[in-house]
Amino acid sequence: MEEGDAESLKHLEEESEKLTKKIELLEFQKLLSGPNDRNSAILSINAGAGGTESCDWASMLLRMYHRWAEDQGYKVEMIDVLAGEEAGIKNTTVLIEGDFAYGYLKSENGVHRLVRISPFDSNKRRHTSFASVEIIPEVEDDIKIEVKDQDIRVDVFRSGGKGGQGVNTTDSAVRITHLSSGLVVQCQNERSQIKNRATALKVLKSRLYEKEMNKRQATQQDSYNQKQEIAWGSQIRSYVLHPYNMVKDHRTDFETSNATGVLNGDLIGFLEAYLKQQKHD
């Protein structure tokens, strides 16, 4: 084979590898169809009981997710961190910014367990440490309230004052009913029907906005309550560094003996296994 042919073959192999990775990525992203999957992610890690051991484990998890995010080309921004008394961190919150960050990481919610020979134990005994991970989507305050004419019914009536006295003799008061939600607002402060309509519409939009915000908060509370039910010891994943190397996800049974690789950010196998399981359930 001539030198030019060898270089061309190498180039084709490289391009083929890049194309294969792009196809695999597209196939993987088909699994990310949730309403917030495309959002950036807010990651929180809290050390469990165990003092320095758990604080060190929390810092190892932070490093693992940081490495993973960098490999994906995501931006990582530290929001808050509380250092441990001797080593590691007690808790931290970071923003992982980029497309599908939440979709990828939502599987990480739960308790993570580490088994290893403690570097803080002079007797070199094996220790088990726990840390909890919480992933929520970054949701911007971008609720757009649009009220179309066909969405409402507008009634006009004559304004009335206290004691039944007439404020005016024209039908200037306005009542607006939002048909889909059933919300009703009315305004009769102004003598102008146009002004009363504008004010009533403004109030309706505010109430629709509040209704949507309450809906979001209820969804977030449900997610929080589910997280609160996770007890220490009911781990979703175990990382064993002694007497052998293994990382196993207890929900999907996906496991690998390359614990070092996982702690350096190689999480794709675990993320993909979880998403596939959720797709089939």
C-alpha atoms as a PDB file:
ATOM      1  CA  MET A   1       0.000   0.000   0.000  1.00  0.00           C
ATOM      2  CA  GLU A   2       1.377   3.413  -0.958  1.00  0.00           C
ATOM      3  CA  GLU A   3       1.937   6.094   1.654  1.00  0.00           C
ATOM      4  CA  GLY A   4      -0.812   8.292   0.202  1.00  0.00           C
ATOM      5  CA  ASP A   5      -3.284   5.419   0.312  1.00  0.00           C
ATOM      6  CA  ALA A   6      -2.394   4.679   3.944  1.00  0.00           C
ATOM      7  CA  GLU A   7      -3.015   8.300   4.922  1.00  0.00           C
ATOM      8  CA  SER A   8      -6.343   8.317   3.067  1.00  0.00           C
ATOM      9  CA  LEU A   9      -7.392   5.107   4.800  1.00  0.00           C
ATOM     10  CA  LYS A  10      -6.474   6.532   8.197  1.00  0.00           C
ATOM     11  CA  HIS A  11      -8.453   9.677   7.418  1.00  0.00           C
ATOM     12  CA  LEU A  12     -11.500   7.623   6.393  1.00  0.00           C
ATOM     13  CA  GLU A  13     -11.274   5.560   9.580  1.00  0.00           C
ATOM     14  CA  GLU A  14     -11.155   8.725  11.694  1.00  0.00           C
ATOM     15  CA  GLU A  15     -14.127  10.235   9.876  1.00  0.00           C
ATOM     16  CA  SER A  16     -16.037   6.968  10.208  1.00  0.00           C
ATOM     17  CA  GLU A  17     -15.369   6.915  13.936  1.00  0.00           C
ATOM     18  CA  LYS A  18     -16.609  10.506  14.312  1.00  0.00           C
ATOM     19  CA  LEU A  19     -19.751   9.702  12.329  1.00  0.00           C
ATOM     20  CA  THR A  20     -20.414   6.606  14.428  1.00  0.00           C
ATOM     21  CA  LYS A  21     -20.143   8.667  17.615  1.00  0.00           C
ATOM     22  CA  LYS A  22     -22.559  11.266  16.234  1.00  0.00           C
ATOM     23  CA  ILE A  23     -25.075   8.553  15.335  1.00  0.00           C
ATOM     24  CA  GLU A  24     -24.745   6.996  18.789  1.00  0.00           C
ATOM     25  CA  LEU A  25     -25.289  10.409  20.369  1.00  0.00           C
ATOM     26  CA  LEU A  26     -28.422  11.022  18.295  1.00  0.00           C
ATOM     27  CA  GLU A  27     -29.780   7.597  19.206  1.00  0.00           C
ATOM     28  CA  PHE A  28     -29.055   8.290  22.854  1.00  0.00           C
ATOM     29  CA  GLN A  29     -30.770  11.670  22.756  1.00  0.00           C
ATOM     30  CA  LYS A  30     -33.953  10.013  21.487  1.00  0.00           C
ATOM     31  CA  LEU A  31     -34.295   8.699  25.029  1.00  0.00           C
ATOM     32  CA  LEU A  32     -34.374  12.278  26.324  1.00  0.00           C
ATOM     33  CA  SER A  33     -37.963  13.256  25.654  1.00  0.00           C
ATOM     34  CA  GLY A  34     -39.035  14.598  29.066  1.00  0.00           C
ATOM     35  CA  PRO A  35     -40.402  18.150  29.340  1.00  0.00           C
ATOM     36  CA  ASN A  36     -37.216  19.443  31.019  1.00  0.00           C
ATOM     37  CA  ASP A  37     -34.661  17.014  29.601  1.00  0.00           C
ATOM     38  CA  ARG A  38     -33.064  19.648  27.389  1.00  0.00           C
ATOM     39  CA  ASN A  39     -32.521  22.035  30.307  1.00  0.00           C
ATOM     40  CA  SER A  40     -29.357  22.731  32.224  1.00  0.00           C
ATOM     41  CA  ALA A  41     -29.082  20.928  35.565  1.00  0.00           C
ATOM     42  CA  ILE A  42     -28.690  22.049  39.158  1.00  0.00           C
ATOM     43  CA  LEU A  43     -26.655  19.462  41.042  1.00  0.00           C
ATOM     44  CA  SER A  44     -26.581  19.255  44.842  1.00  0.00           C
ATOM     45  CA  ILE A  45     -24.450  16.842  46.877  1.00  0.00           C
ATOM     46  CA  ASN A  46     -24.805  16.313  50.628  1.00  0.00           C
ATOM     47  CA  ALA A  47     -22.449  14.252  52.761  1.00  0.00           C
ATOM     48  CA  GLY A  48     -24.154  11.655  54.922  1.00  0.00           C
ATOM     49  CA  ALA A  49     -23.401  10.480  58.420  1.00  0.00           C
ATOM     50  CA  GLY A  50     -19.778   9.555  58.920  1.00  0.00           C
ATOM     51  CA  GLY A  51     -17.930  12.829  59.357  1.00  0.00           C
ATOM     52  CA  THR A  52     -14.702  13.211  57.411  1.00  0.00           C
ATOM     53  CA  GLU A  53     -15.216   9.991  55.445  1.00  0.00           C
ATOM     54  CA  SER A  54     -18.533  11.132  53.992  1.00  0.00           C
ATOM     55  CA  CYS A  55     -17.286  14.671  53.385  1.00  0.00           C
ATOM     56  CA  ASP A  56     -14.383  13.267  51.379  1.00  0.00           C
ATOM     57  CA  TRP A  57     -16.797  11.033  49.439  1.00  0.00           C
ATOM     58  CA  ALA A  58     -18.973  14.057  48.632  1.00  0.00           C
ATOM     59  CA  SER A  59     -15.929  15.860  47.192  1.00  0.00           C
ATOM     60  CA  MET A  60     -15.073  12.778  45.117  1.00  0.00           C
ATOM     61  CA  LEU A  61     -18.593  12.778  43.662  1.00  0.00           C
ATOM     62  CA  LEU A  62     -18.321  16.479  42.863  1.00  0.00           C
ATOM     63  CA  ARG A  63     -15.059  15.826  41.028  1.00  0.00           C
ATOM     64  CA  MET A  64     -16.663  12.905  39.146  1.00  0.00           C
ATOM     65  CA  TYR A  65     -19.569  15.011  37.884  1.00  0.00           C
ATOM     66  CA  HIS A  66     -17.260  17.917  37.099  1.00  0.00           C
ATOM     67  CA  ARG A  67     -15.078  15.643  34.953  1.00  0.00           C
ATOM     68  CA  TRP A  68     -18.152  14.201  33.227  1.00  0.00           C
ATOM     69  CA  ALA A  69     -19.529  17.668  32.491  1.00  0.00           C
ATOM     70  CA  GLU A  70     -16.219  18.872  31.065  1.00  0.00           C
ATOM     71  CA  ASP A  71     -16.049  15.815  28.794  1.00  0.00           C
ATOM     72  CA  GLN A  72     -19.516  16.724  27.469  1.00  0.00           C
ATOM     73  CA  GLY A  73     -18.452  20.307  26.824  1.00  0.00           C
ATOM     74  CA  TYR A  74     -20.722  21.679  29.558  1.00  0.00           C
ATOM     75  CA  LYS A  75     -20.012  24.741  31.673  1.00  0.00           C
ATOM     76  CA  VAL A  76     -19.847  24.136  35.428  1.00  0.00           C
ATOM     77  CA  GLU A  77     -20.596  27.032  37.771  1.00  0.00           C
ATOM     78  CA  MET A  78     -20.230  26.743  41.531  1.00  0.00           C
ATOM     79  CA  ILE A  79     -23.269  28.167  43.310  1.00  0.00           C
ATOM     80  CA  ASP A  80     -22.571  27.209  46.910  1.00  0.00           C
ATOM     81  CA  VAL A  81     -20.167  25.005  48.883  1.00  0.00           C
ATOM     82  CA  LEU A  82     -19.613  24.246  52.569  1.00  0.00           C
ATOM     83  CA  ALA A  83     -16.242  22.710  53.349  1.00  0.00           C
ATOM     84  CA  GLY A  84     -15.825  19.797  55.744  1.00  0.00           C
ATOM     85  CA  GLU A  85     -14.099  20.362  59.060  1.00  0.00           C
ATOM     86  CA  GLU A  86     -11.070  18.228  58.209  1.00  0.00           C
ATOM     87  CA  ALA A  87     -11.405  17.353  54.523  1.00  0.00           C
ATOM     88  CA  GLY A  88     -13.873  17.287  51.654  1.00  0.00           C
ATOM     89  CA  ILE A  89     -17.213  19.082  51.593  1.00  0.00           C
ATOM     90  CA  LYS A  90     -20.394  18.863  53.670  1.00  0.00           C
ATOM     91  CA  ASN A  91     -22.587  20.032  50.819  1.00  0.00           C
ATOM     92  CA  THR A  92     -22.401  21.823  47.514  1.00  0.00           C
ATOM     93  CA  THR A  93     -24.637  23.080  44.722  1.00  0.00           C
ATOM     94  CA  VAL A  94     -23.429  23.650  41.170  1.00  0.00           C
ATOM     95  CA  LEU A  95     -25.034  24.603  37.878  1.00  0.00           C
ATOM     96  CA  ILE A  96     -24.169  22.355  34.933  1.00  0.00           C
ATOM     97  CA  GLU A  97     -25.053  24.418  31.906  1.00  0.00           C
ATOM     98  CA  GLY A  98     -25.712  22.968  28.469  1.00  0.00           C
ATOM     99  CA  ASP A  99     -28.239  21.166  26.286  1.00  0.00           C
ATOM    100  CA  PHE A 100     -29.640  17.956  27.815  1.00  0.00           C
ATOM    101  CA  ALA A 101     -27.595  18.270  31.015  1.00  0.00           C
ATOM    102  CA  TYR A 102     -30.682  17.540  33.125  1.00  0.00           C
ATOM    103  CA  GLY A 103     -31.837  14.745  30.828  1.00  0.00           C
ATOM    104  CA  TYR A 104     -28.514  12.977  31.199  1.00  0.00           C
ATOM    105  CA  LEU A 105     -28.094  13.519  34.932  1.00  0.00           C
ATOM    106  CA  LYS A 106     -31.627  12.988  36.256  1.00  0.00           C
ATOM    107  CA  SER A 107     -30.782   9.326  36.835  1.00  0.00           C
ATOM    108  CA  GLU A 108     -28.250  10.345  39.516  1.00  0.00           C
ATOM    109  CA  ASN A 109     -30.883  11.330  42.091  1.00  0.00           C
ATOM    110  CA  GLY A 110     -30.458   9.283  45.240  1.00  0.00           C
ATOM    111  CA  VAL A 111     -27.943   7.890  47.703  1.00  0.00           C
ATOM    112  CA  HIS A 112     -24.459   6.860  46.536  1.00  0.00           C
ATOM    113  CA  ARG A 113     -22.379   4.462  48.648  1.00  0.00           C
ATOM    114  CA  LEU A 114     -18.584   4.143  48.769  1.00  0.00           C
ATOM    115  CA  VAL A 115     -16.662   1.171  50.211  1.00  0.00           C
ATOM    116  CA  ARG A 116     -12.877   1.565  50.564  1.00  0.00           C
ATOM    117  CA  ILE A 117      -9.857   1.454  52.832  1.00  0.00           C
ATOM    118  CA  SER A 118     -10.003   4.816  54.537  1.00  0.00           C
ATOM    119  CA  PRO A 119      -7.065   7.187  53.937  1.00  0.00           C
ATOM    120  CA  PHE A 120      -7.995   8.810  57.269  1.00  0.00           C
ATOM    121  CA  ASP A 121      -7.773   5.608  59.302  1.00  0.00           C
ATOM    122  CA  SER A 122      -4.284   4.847  60.613  1.00  0.00           C
ATOM    123  CA  ASN A 123      -5.318   1.199  61.064  1.00  0.00           C
ATOM    124  CA  LYS A 124      -6.240   0.945  57.363  1.00  0.00           C
ATOM    125  CA  ARG A 125      -9.702  -0.406  58.027  1.00  0.00           C
ATOM    126  CA  ARG A 126     -12.478  -0.608  55.468  1.00  0.00           C
ATOM    127  CA  HIS A 127     -15.129   2.111  55.706  1.00  0.00           C
ATOM    128  CA  THR A 128     -18.528   2.636  54.107  1.00  0.00           C
ATOM    129  CA  SER A 129     -19.585   6.203  53.314  1.00  0.00           C
ATOM    130  CA  PHE A 130     -22.798   7.698  51.991  1.00  0.00           C
ATOM    131  CA  ALA A 131     -23.682  10.894  50.123  1.00  0.00           C
ATOM    132  CA  SER A 132     -26.939  11.998  48.542  1.00  0.00           C
ATOM    133  CA  VAL A 133     -27.195  13.531  45.086  1.00  0.00           C
ATOM    134  CA  GLU A 134     -30.075  15.683  43.913  1.00  0.00           C
ATOM    135  CA  ILE A 135     -30.559  16.795  40.310  1.00  0.00           C
ATOM    136  CA  ILE A 136     -33.241  19.310  39.326  1.00  0.00           C
ATOM    137  CA  PRO A 137     -33.735  21.116  36.017  1.00  0.00           C
ATOM    138  CA  GLU A 138     -32.883  24.776  35.735  1.00  0.00           C
ATOM    139  CA  VAL A 139     -36.206  26.404  34.886  1.00  0.00           C
ATOM    140  CA  GLU A 140     -36.060  30.018  33.815  1.00  0.00           C
ATOM    141  CA  ASP A 141     -38.856  32.411  34.671  1.00  0.00           C
ATOM    142  CA  ASP A 142     -40.128  32.402  31.108  1.00  0.00           C
ATOM    143  CA  ILE A 143     -43.838  31.751  31.535  1.00  0.00           C
ATOM    144  CA  LYS A 144     -45.626  33.606  28.765  1.00  0.00           C
ATOM    145  CA  ILE A 145     -49.295  34.275  29.441  1.00  0.00           C
ATOM    146  CA  GLU A 146     -51.208  34.792  26.232  1.00  0.00           C
ATOM    147  CA  VAL A 147     -54.961  35.350  26.411  1.00  0.00           C
ATOM    148  CA  LYS A 148     -56.740  35.150  23.059  1.00  0.00           C
ATOM    149  CA  ASP A 149     -60.218  36.466  22.395  1.00  0.00           C
ATOM    150  CA  GLN A 150     -61.539  32.944  21.810  1.00  0.00           C
ATOM    151  CA  ASP A 151     -60.233  31.894  25.256  1.00  0.00           C
ATOM    152  CA  ILE A 152     -62.461  34.295  27.182  1.00  0.00           C
ATOM    153  CA  ARG A 153     -66.051  35.470  27.553  1.00  0.00           C
ATOM    154  CA  VAL A 154     -66.538  39.173  28.221  1.00  0.00           C
ATOM    155  CA  ASP A 155     -69.704  40.436  29.924  1.00  0.00           C
ATOM    156  CA  VAL A 156     -70.476  44.097  30.498  1.00  0.00           C
ATOM    157  CA  PHE A 157     -72.879  45.438  33.095  1.00  0.00           C
ATOM    158  CA  ARG A 158     -73.797  48.656  34.829  1.00  0.00           C
ATOM    159  CA  SER A 159     -71.549  49.681  37.697  1.00  0.00           C
ATOM    160  CA  GLY A 160     -73.056  50.079  41.137  1.00  0.00           C
ATOM    161  CA  GLY A 161     -71.848  51.917  44.208  1.00  0.00           C
ATOM    162  CA  LYS A 162     -72.324  51.289  47.918  1.00  0.00           C
ATOM    163  CA  GLY A 163     -75.901  50.925  49.054  1.00  0.00           C
ATOM    164  CA  GLY A 164     -77.017  50.207  45.506  1.00  0.00           C
ATOM    165  CA  GLN A 165     -76.385  53.729  44.303  1.00  0.00           C
ATOM    166  CA  GLY A 166     -75.605  54.005  40.614  1.00  0.00           C
ATOM    167  CA  VAL A 167     -72.118  55.087  39.755  1.00  0.00           C
ATOM    168  CA  ASN A 168     -73.106  55.778  36.195  1.00  0.00           C
ATOM    169  CA  THR A 169     -75.867  54.942  33.783  1.00  0.00           C
ATOM    170  CA  THR A 170     -73.790  53.122  31.143  1.00  0.00           C
ATOM    171  CA  ASP A 171     -72.648  49.494  30.923  1.00  0.00           C
ATOM    172  CA  SER A 172     -69.007  50.232  31.777  1.00  0.00           C
ATOM    173  CA  ALA A 173     -68.236  47.411  34.219  1.00  0.00           C
ATOM    174  CA  VAL A 174     -66.502  44.380  32.731  1.00  0.00           C
ATOM    175  CA  ARG A 175     -66.440  40.725  33.786  1.00  0.00           C
ATOM    176  CA  ILE A 176     -64.028  38.358  32.036  1.00  0.00           C
ATOM    177  CA  THR A 177     -64.322  34.590  32.297  1.00  0.00           C
ATOM    178  CA  HIS A 178     -61.361  32.449  31.235  1.00  0.00           C
ATOM    179  CA  LEU A 179     -63.118  29.477  29.664  1.00  0.00           C
ATOM    180  CA  SER A 180     -60.526  26.728  30.105  1.00  0.00           C
ATOM    181  CA  SER A 181     -59.573  27.491  33.723  1.00  0.00           C
ATOM    182  CA  GLY A 182     -62.868  28.904  34.962  1.00  0.00           C
ATOM    183  CA  LEU A 183     -61.163  31.954  36.441  1.00  0.00           C
ATOM    184  CA  VAL A 184     -63.434  35.009  36.640  1.00  0.00           C
ATOM    185  CA  VAL A 185     -62.310  38.611  37.142  1.00  0.00           C
ATOM    186  CA  GLN A 186     -64.206  41.831  36.958  1.00  0.00           C
ATOM    187  CA  CYS A 187     -63.505  45.549  37.119  1.00  0.00           C
ATOM    188  CA  GLN A 188     -65.832  48.505  37.589  1.00  0.00           C
ATOM    189  CA  ASN A 189     -63.481  51.136  38.988  1.00  0.00           C
ATOM    190  CA  GLU A 190     -63.396  53.273  35.858  1.00  0.00           C
ATOM    191  CA  ARG A 191     -66.202  54.943  33.983  1.00  0.00           C
ATOM    192  CA  SER A 192     -64.604  53.777  30.743  1.00  0.00           C
ATOM    193  CA  GLN A 193     -65.460  50.252  29.582  1.00  0.00           C
ATOM    194  CA  ILE A 194     -62.170  50.148  27.664  1.00  0.00           C
ATOM    195  CA  LYS A 195     -60.145  50.935  30.804  1.00  0.00           C
ATOM    196  CA  ASN A 196     -62.077  48.446  32.896  1.00  0.00           C
ATOM    197  CA  ARG A 197     -61.529  45.747  30.277  1.00  0.00           C
ATOM    198  CA  ALA A 198     -57.784  46.458  30.189  1.00  0.00           C
ATOM    199  CA  THR A 199     -57.565  46.320  33.978  1.00  0.00           C
ATOM    200  CA  ALA A 200     -59.594  43.108  34.187  1.00  0.00           C
ATOM    201  CA  LEU A 201     -57.407  41.495  31.521  1.00  0.00           C
ATOM    202  CA  LYS A 202     -54.293  42.469  33.447  1.00  0.00           C
ATOM    203  CA  VAL A 203     -55.707  40.875  36.612  1.00  0.00           C
ATOM    204  CA  LEU A 204     -56.650  37.725  34.676  1.00  0.00           C
ATOM    205  CA  LYS A 205     -53.132  37.369  33.290  1.00  0.00           C
ATOM    206  CA  SER A 206     -51.685  37.775  36.781  1.00  0.00           C
ATOM    207  CA  ARG A 207     -53.965  35.073  38.152  1.00  0.00           C
ATOM    208  CA  LEU A 208     -53.113  32.717  35.289  1.00  0.00           C
ATOM    209  CA  TYR A 209     -49.426  33.364  35.969  1.00  0.00           C
ATOM    210  CA  GLU A 210     -49.906  32.594  39.672  1.00  0.00           C
ATOM    211  CA  LYS A 211     -51.809  29.416  38.800  1.00  0.00           C
ATOM    212  CA  GLU A 212     -48.948  28.225  36.580  1.00  0.00           C
ATOM    213  CA  MET A 213     -46.327  29.042  39.222  1.00  0.00           C
ATOM    214  CA  ASN A 214     -48.299  27.081  41.835  1.00  0.00           C
ATOM    215  CA  LYS A 215     -48.436  24.159  39.426  1.00  0.00           C
ATOM    216  CA  ARG A 216     -44.655  24.267  39.024  1.00  0.00           C
ATOM    217  CA  GLN A 217     -44.120  24.450  42.761  1.00  0.00           C
ATOM    218  CA  ALA A 218     -46.408  21.452  43.299  1.00  0.00           C
ATOM    219  CA  THR A 219     -44.368  19.457  40.769  1.00  0.00           C
ATOM    220  CA  GLN A 220     -41.115  20.417  42.481  1.00  0.00           C
ATOM    221  CA  GLN A 221     -42.595  19.495  45.888  1.00  0.00           C
ATOM    222  CA  ASP A 222     -43.565  16.051  44.588  1.00  0.00           C
ATOM    223  CA  SER A 223     -39.997  15.552  43.405  1.00  0.00           C
ATOM    224  CA  TYR A 224     -38.669  16.740  46.782  1.00  0.00           C
ATOM    225  CA  ASN A 225     -40.999  14.420  48.702  1.00  0.00           C
ATOM    226  CA  GLN A 226     -39.824  11.459  46.631  1.00  0.00           C
ATOM    227  CA  LYS A 227     -36.230  12.370  47.430  1.00  0.00           C
ATOM    228  CA  GLN A 228     -37.043  12.693  51.134  1.00  0.00           C
ATOM    229  CA  GLU A 229     -38.292   9.106  51.162  1.00  0.00           C
ATOM    230  CA  ILE A 230     -34.826   7.860  50.235  1.00  0.00           C
ATOM    231  CA  ALA A 231     -33.238   6.569  53.440  1.00  0.00           C
ATOM    232  CA  TRP A 232     -29.537   6.343  54.134  1.00  0.00           C
ATOM    233  CA  GLY A 233     -28.486   2.871  53.121  1.00  0.00           C
ATOM    234  CA  SER A 234     -31.089   2.497  50.361  1.00  0.00           C
ATOM    235  CA  GLN A 235     -28.440   3.433  47.836  1.00  0.00           C
ATOM    236  CA  ILE A 236     -29.016   3.596  44.097  1.00  0.00           C
ATOM    237  CA  ARG A 237     -25.364   2.843  43.338  1.00  0.00           C
ATOM    238  CA  SER A 238     -22.376   1.314  45.106  1.00  0.00           C
ATOM    239  CA  TYR A 239     -18.741   2.155  44.415  1.00  0.00           C
ATOM    240  CA  VAL A 240     -16.468  -0.565  45.810  1.00  0.00           C
ATOM    241  CA  LEU A 241     -12.706   0.063  45.902  1.00  0.00           C
ATOM    242  CA  HIS A 242     -11.844  -2.750  48.348  1.00  0.00           C
ATOM    243  CA  PRO A 243     -11.464  -5.745  48.389  1.00  0.00           C
ATOM    244  CA  TYR A 244     -12.162  -5.489  44.640  1.00  0.00           C
ATOM    245  CA  ASN A 245     -13.058  -2.777  42.131  1.00  0.00           C
ATOM    246  CA  MET A 246     -16.674  -2.522  41.048  1.00  0.00           C
ATOM    247  CA  VAL A 247     -19.357   0.090  40.502  1.00  0.00           C
ATOM    248  CA  LYS A 248     -22.902  -1.258  40.357  1.00  0.00           C
ATOM    249  CA  ASP A 249     -26.241   0.486  39.845  1.00  0.00           C
ATOM    250  CA  HIS A 250     -28.856  -1.320  41.932  1.00  0.00           C
ATOM    251  CA  ARG A 251     -31.792  -0.157  39.792  1.00  0.00           C
ATOM    252  CA  THR A 252     -30.538  -1.342  36.411  1.00  0.00           C
ATOM    253  CA  ASP A 253     -27.913  -3.919  37.501  1.00  0.00           C
ATOM    254  CA  PHE A 254     -25.436  -2.207  35.165  1.00  0.00           C
ATOM    255  CA  GLU A 255     -21.925  -2.620  36.539  1.00  0.00           C
ATOM    256  CA  THR A 256     -18.273  -2.196  35.643  1.00  0.00           C
ATOM    257  CA  SER A 257     -14.957  -3.137  37.207  1.00  0.00           C
ATOM    258  CA  ASN A 258     -13.411   0.137  36.001  1.00  0.00           C
ATOM    259  CA  ALA A 259     -14.132   2.073  39.181  1.00  0.00           C
ATOM    260  CA  THR A 260     -11.284   4.503  38.507  1.00  0.00           C
ATOM    261  CA  GLY A 261     -12.756   5.371  35.111  1.00  0.00           C
ATOM    262  CA  VAL A 262     -16.183   6.013  36.626  1.00  0.00           C
ATOM    263  CA  LEU A 263     -14.761   8.278  39.323  1.00  0.00           C
ATOM    264  CA  ASN A 264     -12.959  10.141  36.538  1.00  0.00           C
ATOM    265  CA  GLY A 265     -16.288  10.886  34.861  1.00  0.00           C
ATOM    266  CA  ASP A 266     -17.025   7.863  32.665  1.00  0.00           C
ATOM    267  CA  LEU A 267     -20.735   7.663  33.476  1.00  0.00           C
ATOM    268  CA  ILE A 268     -22.257   7.101  30.039  1.00  0.00           C
ATOM    269  CA  GLY A 269     -22.961   3.389  30.590  1.00  0.00           C
ATOM    270  CA  PHE A 270     -24.924   4.069  33.776  1.00  0.00           C
ATOM    271  CA  LEU A 271     -26.854   6.996  32.290  1.00  0.00           C
ATOM    272  CA  GLU A 272     -27.779   5.074  29.165  1.00  0.00           C
ATOM    273  CA  ALA A 273     -28.847   1.957  31.091  1.00  0.00           C
ATOM    274  CA  TYR A 274     -31.176   3.998  33.291  1.00  0.00           C
ATOM    275  CA  LEU A 275     -32.732   5.909  30.374  1.00  0.00           C
ATOM    276  CA  LYS A 276     -33.330   2.699  28.430  1.00  0.00           C
ATOM    277  CA  GLN A 277     -34.965   1.116  31.453  1.00  0.00           C
ATOM    278  CA  GLN A 278     -37.245   4.103  31.918  1.00  0.00           C
ATOM    279  CA  LYS A 279     -38.169   4.022  28.240  1.00  0.00           C
ATOM    280  CA  HIS A 280     -39.233   0.386  28.478  1.00  0.00           C
ATOM    281  CA  ASP A 281     -41.127   0.717  31.787  1.00  0.00           C
END
